[in-house]
Amino acid sequence: MTIVIDIKPELQAELSRRAAAHGVDVGSYAATLLEEAAHIPAGPRALSLSDLDNTLRELAQFSHKIPALPDEAFSRESLYRDHD
């Protein structure tokens, strides 16, 4: 597919500079950038047990500062007050 876009001269100069640094022409470099930008990840990666442990530890780090809710917060009336 061919796409034609208008870009500012300073952007063109920067693309040309980066393409030259990578040893490719501007069109190939721009196509590579578009491919990277359009890449859709396959899905979320699975957490390892150590990653999960670290995440839970970070969440719990300041849990002692969270105030306890009163017992009334868990009453049936409190949970369903917006229902008839």
Protein backbone atom coordinates (compact mmCIF):
# COMPACT_ATOMS: atom_id res chain seq x y z
CA MET A 1 0.00 0.00 0.00
CA THR A 2 1.21 3.48 -0.74
CA ILE A 3 0.37 6.36 1.60
CA VAL A 4 1.15 9.99 0.86
CA ILE A 5 1.44 12.34 3.84
CA ASP A 6 2.47 15.97 4.20
CA ILE A 7 4.99 16.58 6.96
CA LYS A 8 6.82 19.66 8.17
CA PRO A 9 10.34 20.21 6.78
CA GLU A 10 11.90 19.81 10.23
CA LEU A 11 10.20 16.41 10.65
CA GLN A 12 11.41 15.38 7.21
CA ALA A 13 14.94 16.40 8.16
CA GLU A 14 14.75 14.40 11.41
CA LEU A 15 13.38 11.33 9.61
CA SER A 16 16.16 11.63 7.03
CA ARG A 17 18.78 11.92 9.78
CA ARG A 18 17.46 8.89 11.66
CA ALA A 19 17.08 6.84 8.48
CA ALA A 20 20.68 7.60 7.54
CA ALA A 21 21.81 6.63 11.05
CA HIS A 22 20.09 3.27 10.53
CA GLY A 23 21.51 2.91 7.02
CA VAL A 24 18.13 2.82 5.25
CA ASP A 25 16.16 5.15 3.02
CA VAL A 26 13.52 7.45 4.50
CA GLY A 27 10.60 5.47 3.06
CA SER A 28 11.79 2.21 4.60
CA TYR A 29 12.48 3.88 7.93
CA ALA A 30 9.03 5.53 7.98
CA ALA A 31 7.40 2.19 7.09
CA THR A 32 9.24 0.55 9.99
CA LEU A 33 8.02 3.25 12.38
CA LEU A 34 4.43 2.76 11.18
CA GLU A 35 4.68 -1.00 11.59
CA GLU A 36 5.95 -0.58 15.15
CA ALA A 37 3.20 1.95 15.96
CA ALA A 38 0.48 -0.32 14.55
CA HIS A 39 1.73 -3.47 16.29
CA ILE A 40 -1.04 -4.93 18.39
CA PRO A 41 0.24 -7.06 21.23
CA ALA A 42 -0.98 -10.66 21.31
CA GLY A 43 -2.47 -10.15 24.75
CA PRO A 44 -1.45 -9.57 28.30
CA ARG A 45 1.50 -11.62 29.39
CA ALA A 46 1.05 -14.02 32.25
CA LEU A 47 2.49 -12.89 35.56
CA SER A 48 5.10 -15.08 37.10
CA LEU A 49 4.62 -15.99 40.74
CA SER A 50 7.41 -13.62 41.74
CA ASP A 51 5.81 -10.77 39.73
CA LEU A 52 2.47 -11.47 41.41
CA ASP A 53 4.13 -11.60 44.82
CA ASN A 54 5.88 -8.26 44.20
CA THR A 55 2.65 -6.64 42.99
CA LEU A 56 0.70 -7.84 46.02
CA ARG A 57 3.51 -6.69 48.32
CA GLU A 58 3.41 -3.22 46.73
CA LEU A 59 -0.38 -3.06 47.13
CA ALA A 60 -0.15 -4.10 50.79
CA GLN A 61 2.69 -1.72 51.58
CA PHE A 62 0.40 1.11 52.73
CA SER A 63 -2.71 -0.91 53.55
CA HIS A 64 -2.32 -0.11 57.25
CA LYS A 65 -3.20 3.52 56.39
CA ILE A 66 -6.59 2.59 54.92
CA PRO A 67 -9.27 3.31 57.52
CA ALA A 68 -11.54 0.46 58.54
CA LEU A 69 -15.16 0.73 57.44
CA PRO A 70 -17.86 0.70 60.10
CA ASP A 71 -20.09 -2.38 60.34
CA GLU A 72 -23.01 -0.30 58.98
CA ALA A 73 -21.23 -0.12 55.63
CA PHE A 74 -21.95 -3.81 55.11
CA SER A 75 -25.61 -3.88 56.11
CA ARG A 76 -28.24 -5.00 53.62
CA GLU A 77 -29.82 -1.55 53.71
CA SER A 78 -26.50 0.10 52.94
CA LEU A 79 -25.74 -2.23 50.04
CA TYR A 80 -29.18 -1.96 48.44
CA ARG A 81 -30.22 1.60 49.33
CA ASP A 82 -30.48 2.61 45.65
CA HIS A 83 -32.76 -0.36 44.81
CA ASP A 84 -36.47 -0.63 45.45
